[in-house]
N, C-alpha and C. Protein backbone atom coordinates (compact mmCIF):
# COMPACT_ATOMS: atom_id res chain seq x y z
N MET A 1 89.49 52.26 -79.87
CA MET A 1 90.77 52.20 -80.63
C MET A 1 91.19 50.75 -80.81
N THR A 2 91.41 50.33 -82.03
CA THR A 2 91.85 48.97 -82.24
C THR A 2 93.33 49.02 -82.67
N VAL A 3 94.06 47.95 -82.33
CA VAL A 3 95.48 47.91 -82.62
C VAL A 3 95.71 46.66 -83.54
N ASN A 4 96.37 46.93 -84.66
CA ASN A 4 96.77 45.85 -85.53
C ASN A 4 97.94 45.18 -84.87
N ARG A 5 97.85 43.91 -84.53
CA ARG A 5 98.94 43.21 -83.81
C ARG A 5 100.22 43.08 -84.64
N ARG A 6 100.02 42.99 -85.94
CA ARG A 6 101.25 42.80 -86.81
C ARG A 6 102.02 44.09 -86.90
N THR A 7 101.37 45.23 -87.16
CA THR A 7 102.06 46.46 -87.38
C THR A 7 102.02 47.36 -86.13
N MET A 8 101.24 46.98 -85.13
CA MET A 8 101.11 47.80 -83.88
C MET A 8 100.65 49.22 -84.15
N VAL A 9 99.82 49.40 -85.19
CA VAL A 9 99.30 50.72 -85.54
C VAL A 9 97.85 50.79 -84.96
N ARG A 10 97.64 51.93 -84.32
CA ARG A 10 96.30 52.12 -83.72
C ARG A 10 95.38 52.83 -84.81
N THR A 11 94.18 52.29 -84.88
CA THR A 11 93.22 52.88 -85.80
C THR A 11 91.97 53.26 -84.99
N PRO A 12 91.35 54.39 -85.34
CA PRO A 12 90.16 54.77 -84.59
C PRO A 12 89.05 53.87 -84.95
N PRO A 13 88.11 53.64 -83.98
CA PRO A 13 86.99 52.80 -84.31
C PRO A 13 86.06 53.48 -85.33
N ASN A 14 85.43 52.67 -86.13
CA ASN A 14 84.48 53.27 -87.07
C ASN A 14 83.31 53.84 -86.41
N LEU A 15 82.47 54.55 -87.11
CA LEU A 15 81.36 55.28 -86.56
C LEU A 15 80.31 54.35 -85.88
N SER A 16 80.02 53.25 -86.54
CA SER A 16 79.03 52.32 -85.95
C SER A 16 79.54 51.76 -84.62
N ASP A 17 80.87 51.44 -84.52
CA ASP A 17 81.38 50.98 -83.21
C ASP A 17 81.29 52.06 -82.18
N ARG A 18 81.60 53.28 -82.55
CA ARG A 18 81.51 54.40 -81.66
C ARG A 18 80.06 54.59 -81.15
N ALA A 19 79.11 54.50 -82.10
CA ALA A 19 77.72 54.68 -81.72
C ALA A 19 77.28 53.52 -80.79
N SER A 20 77.76 52.32 -81.05
CA SER A 20 77.41 51.19 -80.18
C SER A 20 77.90 51.40 -78.78
N ILE A 21 79.14 51.85 -78.67
CA ILE A 21 79.77 52.17 -77.37
C ILE A 21 78.96 53.22 -76.62
N LEU A 22 78.57 54.26 -77.35
CA LEU A 22 77.78 55.35 -76.73
C LEU A 22 76.42 54.86 -76.31
N ARG A 23 75.82 53.99 -77.12
CA ARG A 23 74.45 53.48 -76.79
C ARG A 23 74.57 52.64 -75.46
N ARG A 24 75.60 51.84 -75.39
CA ARG A 24 75.80 51.05 -74.13
C ARG A 24 75.99 51.93 -72.95
N ARG A 25 76.75 53.02 -73.14
CA ARG A 25 77.02 53.93 -72.07
C ARG A 25 75.72 54.60 -71.66
N ALA A 26 74.87 54.98 -72.60
CA ALA A 26 73.57 55.58 -72.27
C ALA A 26 72.68 54.61 -71.53
N SER A 27 72.71 53.36 -71.90
CA SER A 27 71.90 52.34 -71.22
C SER A 27 72.36 52.17 -69.78
N ARG A 28 73.68 52.17 -69.60
CA ARG A 28 74.27 52.04 -68.29
C ARG A 28 73.84 53.21 -67.33
N HIS A 29 73.92 54.40 -67.89
CA HIS A 29 73.56 55.59 -67.14
C HIS A 29 72.04 55.54 -66.81
N ALA A 30 71.21 55.14 -67.77
CA ALA A 30 69.76 55.06 -67.55
C ALA A 30 69.44 54.07 -66.48
N ARG A 31 70.11 52.88 -66.45
CA ARG A 31 69.86 51.93 -65.40
C ARG A 31 70.19 52.45 -64.04
N ARG A 32 71.18 53.36 -63.97
CA ARG A 32 71.58 53.97 -62.71
C ARG A 32 70.68 55.15 -62.34
N GLY A 33 69.78 55.56 -63.24
CA GLY A 33 68.91 56.70 -63.00
C GLY A 33 69.57 58.01 -63.36
N GLU A 34 70.72 57.95 -64.06
CA GLU A 34 71.44 59.14 -64.46
C GLU A 34 70.97 59.54 -65.88
N PHE A 35 69.74 60.08 -65.95
CA PHE A 35 69.13 60.31 -67.22
C PHE A 35 69.80 61.46 -68.02
N ARG A 36 70.32 62.46 -67.36
CA ARG A 36 70.98 63.54 -68.09
C ARG A 36 72.24 63.03 -68.76
N LYS A 37 73.04 62.19 -68.02
CA LYS A 37 74.19 61.67 -68.66
C LYS A 37 73.84 60.69 -69.81
N ALA A 38 72.76 59.96 -69.60
CA ALA A 38 72.26 59.06 -70.67
C ALA A 38 71.87 59.88 -71.89
N ALA A 39 71.22 61.03 -71.67
CA ALA A 39 70.77 61.86 -72.77
C ALA A 39 72.00 62.47 -73.54
N VAL A 40 73.07 62.79 -72.85
CA VAL A 40 74.25 63.30 -73.48
C VAL A 40 74.82 62.26 -74.42
N ALA A 41 74.89 61.01 -73.93
CA ALA A 41 75.40 59.94 -74.80
C ALA A 41 74.48 59.67 -75.97
N MET A 42 73.15 59.70 -75.71
CA MET A 42 72.23 59.43 -76.81
C MET A 42 72.22 60.58 -77.88
N ARG A 43 72.52 61.77 -77.41
CA ARG A 43 72.63 62.92 -78.34
C ARG A 43 73.77 62.65 -79.33
N GLN A 44 74.85 62.11 -78.80
CA GLN A 44 76.00 61.77 -79.64
C GLN A 44 75.70 60.65 -80.61
N VAL A 45 74.89 59.64 -80.10
CA VAL A 45 74.50 58.50 -81.00
C VAL A 45 73.60 59.06 -82.11
N ALA A 46 72.66 59.93 -81.79
CA ALA A 46 71.78 60.50 -82.78
C ALA A 46 72.56 61.35 -83.83
N ALA A 47 73.59 62.03 -83.38
CA ALA A 47 74.45 62.80 -84.30
C ALA A 47 75.27 61.92 -85.22
N LEU A 48 75.74 60.74 -84.70
CA LEU A 48 76.53 59.81 -85.48
C LEU A 48 75.63 59.01 -86.47
N ARG A 49 74.56 58.47 -85.97
CA ARG A 49 73.69 57.60 -86.81
C ARG A 49 72.68 58.37 -87.56
N GLY A 50 72.03 59.27 -86.93
CA GLY A 50 71.01 60.10 -87.61
C GLY A 50 69.73 59.33 -87.94
N ASP A 51 69.51 58.14 -87.44
CA ASP A 51 68.36 57.35 -87.74
C ASP A 51 67.20 57.69 -86.80
N ALA A 52 66.02 57.24 -87.22
CA ALA A 52 64.83 57.59 -86.43
C ALA A 52 64.89 56.96 -85.03
N ALA A 53 65.36 55.73 -84.92
CA ALA A 53 65.42 55.04 -83.60
C ALA A 53 66.26 55.80 -82.62
N SER A 54 67.35 56.30 -83.09
CA SER A 54 68.30 57.03 -82.23
C SER A 54 67.65 58.36 -81.73
N TRP A 55 66.92 59.02 -82.60
CA TRP A 55 66.26 60.29 -82.25
C TRP A 55 65.17 59.98 -81.20
N VAL A 56 64.45 58.92 -81.42
CA VAL A 56 63.30 58.59 -80.53
C VAL A 56 63.93 58.21 -79.15
N ALA A 57 64.98 57.44 -79.13
CA ALA A 57 65.64 57.07 -77.86
C ALA A 57 66.14 58.32 -77.19
N LEU A 58 66.70 59.26 -77.94
CA LEU A 58 67.16 60.54 -77.34
C LEU A 58 65.96 61.26 -76.72
N GLY A 59 64.86 61.32 -77.43
CA GLY A 59 63.68 61.97 -76.89
C GLY A 59 63.18 61.39 -75.64
N ASP A 60 63.23 60.01 -75.56
CA ASP A 60 62.84 59.32 -74.35
C ASP A 60 63.73 59.67 -73.15
N MET A 61 65.06 59.67 -73.46
CA MET A 61 65.99 60.02 -72.36
C MET A 61 65.84 61.47 -71.89
N LEU A 62 65.61 62.36 -72.85
CA LEU A 62 65.37 63.78 -72.44
C LEU A 62 64.06 63.94 -71.65
N LYS A 63 63.07 63.17 -71.99
CA LYS A 63 61.81 63.19 -71.20
C LYS A 63 62.12 62.74 -69.81
N ARG A 64 62.84 61.64 -69.68
CA ARG A 64 63.12 61.12 -68.34
C ARG A 64 64.03 62.09 -67.57
N ALA A 65 64.83 62.86 -68.26
CA ALA A 65 65.72 63.85 -67.64
C ALA A 65 65.03 65.15 -67.35
N SER A 66 63.67 65.17 -67.46
CA SER A 66 62.88 66.35 -67.18
C SER A 66 63.23 67.52 -68.09
N ARG A 67 63.41 67.24 -69.38
CA ARG A 67 63.73 68.29 -70.40
C ARG A 67 62.71 68.11 -71.54
N PRO A 68 61.44 68.54 -71.22
CA PRO A 68 60.35 68.24 -72.17
C PRO A 68 60.48 68.97 -73.53
N ASP A 69 60.98 70.20 -73.51
CA ASP A 69 61.10 70.93 -74.77
C ASP A 69 62.08 70.26 -75.72
N GLU A 70 63.24 69.88 -75.22
CA GLU A 70 64.22 69.18 -75.98
C GLU A 70 63.69 67.77 -76.40
N ALA A 71 62.99 67.14 -75.49
CA ALA A 71 62.42 65.81 -75.80
C ALA A 71 61.48 65.92 -76.99
N LEU A 72 60.65 66.94 -77.00
CA LEU A 72 59.72 67.11 -78.10
C LEU A 72 60.42 67.29 -79.44
N GLN A 73 61.50 68.08 -79.40
CA GLN A 73 62.27 68.30 -80.68
C GLN A 73 62.82 66.95 -81.19
N ALA A 74 63.40 66.23 -80.27
CA ALA A 74 64.00 64.92 -80.70
C ALA A 74 62.91 63.96 -81.20
N LEU A 75 61.83 63.88 -80.46
CA LEU A 75 60.75 62.95 -80.86
C LEU A 75 60.14 63.34 -82.21
N LYS A 76 60.02 64.67 -82.43
CA LYS A 76 59.47 65.12 -83.73
C LYS A 76 60.37 64.79 -84.86
N GLN A 77 61.71 64.86 -84.60
CA GLN A 77 62.70 64.47 -85.65
C GLN A 77 62.57 62.99 -85.94
N GLY A 78 62.42 62.16 -84.92
CA GLY A 78 62.22 60.71 -85.08
C GLY A 78 60.93 60.44 -85.81
N LEU A 79 59.86 61.17 -85.48
CA LEU A 79 58.56 61.00 -86.17
C LEU A 79 58.69 61.32 -87.64
N TRP A 80 59.35 62.41 -87.91
CA TRP A 80 59.51 62.79 -89.37
C TRP A 80 60.33 61.73 -90.10
N LEU A 81 61.41 61.24 -89.51
CA LEU A 81 62.27 60.23 -90.19
C LEU A 81 61.46 58.93 -90.41
N HIS A 82 60.64 58.52 -89.40
CA HIS A 82 59.83 57.30 -89.60
C HIS A 82 58.84 57.52 -90.76
N ARG A 83 58.24 58.66 -90.83
CA ARG A 83 57.28 58.95 -91.89
C ARG A 83 57.94 58.99 -93.21
N GLN A 84 59.15 59.56 -93.31
CA GLN A 84 59.90 59.63 -94.59
C GLN A 84 60.25 58.20 -95.06
N ALA A 85 60.49 57.29 -94.12
CA ALA A 85 60.85 55.92 -94.49
C ALA A 85 59.62 55.09 -94.78
N GLY A 86 58.43 55.64 -94.49
CA GLY A 86 57.19 54.92 -94.81
C GLY A 86 56.75 53.97 -93.64
N TYR A 87 57.25 54.20 -92.45
CA TYR A 87 56.87 53.38 -91.31
C TYR A 87 55.80 54.07 -90.51
N GLU A 88 54.57 54.05 -91.02
CA GLU A 88 53.43 54.78 -90.35
C GLU A 88 53.11 54.22 -88.99
N GLY A 89 53.20 52.92 -88.82
CA GLY A 89 52.91 52.34 -87.49
C GLY A 89 53.90 52.88 -86.40
N ARG A 90 55.22 52.89 -86.79
CA ARG A 90 56.16 53.40 -85.85
C ARG A 90 55.96 54.92 -85.63
N ALA A 91 55.59 55.60 -86.70
CA ALA A 91 55.36 57.03 -86.56
C ALA A 91 54.18 57.28 -85.57
N ARG A 92 53.17 56.46 -85.66
CA ARG A 92 52.02 56.58 -84.70
C ARG A 92 52.48 56.35 -83.26
N THR A 93 53.37 55.37 -83.11
CA THR A 93 53.91 55.11 -81.75
C THR A 93 54.65 56.32 -81.21
N VAL A 94 55.47 56.94 -82.04
CA VAL A 94 56.18 58.14 -81.62
C VAL A 94 55.17 59.26 -81.38
N ALA A 95 54.20 59.35 -82.18
CA ALA A 95 53.16 60.40 -81.96
C ALA A 95 52.54 60.21 -80.54
N ARG A 96 52.26 58.99 -80.10
CA ARG A 96 51.76 58.77 -78.82
C ARG A 96 52.77 59.21 -77.74
N MET A 97 54.03 58.96 -77.98
CA MET A 97 55.07 59.47 -77.04
C MET A 97 55.07 60.99 -76.98
N ILE A 98 54.90 61.61 -78.14
CA ILE A 98 54.85 63.09 -78.15
C ILE A 98 53.64 63.57 -77.30
N LEU A 99 52.45 62.92 -77.49
CA LEU A 99 51.32 63.29 -76.74
C LEU A 99 51.50 63.08 -75.22
N ALA A 100 52.31 62.12 -74.84
CA ALA A 100 52.63 61.96 -73.38
C ALA A 100 53.38 63.14 -72.82
N VAL A 101 54.20 63.76 -73.68
CA VAL A 101 54.99 64.94 -73.27
C VAL A 101 54.10 66.20 -73.38
N ASN A 102 53.44 66.32 -74.48
CA ASN A 102 52.56 67.49 -74.77
C ASN A 102 51.22 67.07 -75.29
N PRO A 103 50.24 66.90 -74.41
CA PRO A 103 48.94 66.42 -74.82
C PRO A 103 48.18 67.34 -75.81
N HIS A 104 48.67 68.54 -76.00
CA HIS A 104 48.03 69.55 -76.90
C HIS A 104 48.66 69.61 -78.28
N ASP A 105 49.59 68.71 -78.62
CA ASP A 105 50.20 68.72 -79.90
C ASP A 105 49.20 68.26 -80.96
N THR A 106 48.78 69.17 -81.81
CA THR A 106 47.71 68.81 -82.79
C THR A 106 48.14 67.84 -83.87
N HIS A 107 49.39 68.03 -84.34
CA HIS A 107 49.95 67.15 -85.44
C HIS A 107 49.95 65.72 -84.95
N ALA A 108 50.53 65.47 -83.74
CA ALA A 108 50.61 64.14 -83.21
C ALA A 108 49.20 63.57 -82.92
N SER A 109 48.35 64.39 -82.44
CA SER A 109 46.98 63.95 -82.16
C SER A 109 46.25 63.52 -83.43
N ARG A 110 46.44 64.24 -84.51
CA ARG A 110 45.76 63.89 -85.78
C ARG A 110 46.37 62.60 -86.30
N LEU A 111 47.64 62.34 -86.14
CA LEU A 111 48.30 61.13 -86.59
C LEU A 111 47.76 59.95 -85.85
N VAL A 112 47.59 60.06 -84.51
CA VAL A 112 47.15 58.96 -83.72
C VAL A 112 45.64 58.67 -84.04
N GLN A 113 44.87 59.71 -84.24
CA GLN A 113 43.42 59.54 -84.54
C GLN A 113 43.17 58.95 -85.94
N ALA A 114 44.13 59.10 -86.82
CA ALA A 114 44.00 58.63 -88.21
C ALA A 114 44.08 57.09 -88.25
N ALA A 115 44.57 56.53 -87.18
CA ALA A 115 44.72 55.03 -87.28
C ALA A 115 43.46 54.30 -87.13
């Protein structure tokens, strides 16, 4: 919340500020080893931003929180967004992350082997 000093009116932070705050909160929780709390914050970041990097970070936190099924869903969303944007190198990196969670994922395996 920001306050205009002249009018003393409170205005809600914009979405990018909110996402930045949540990302810092997730990092703090992760440093403490509180991966489930970090994943909750990253889920909110992904919902606000909707970008590939946020989805991949969410997938990483969910993997660390021992939630492999949810991690796969988030990583696959990040993979799809990277491919839609034309970032094939980043997509291959995410495919390797998917294979670390599920070594039998054929789509990720084909993407990594295509390089």
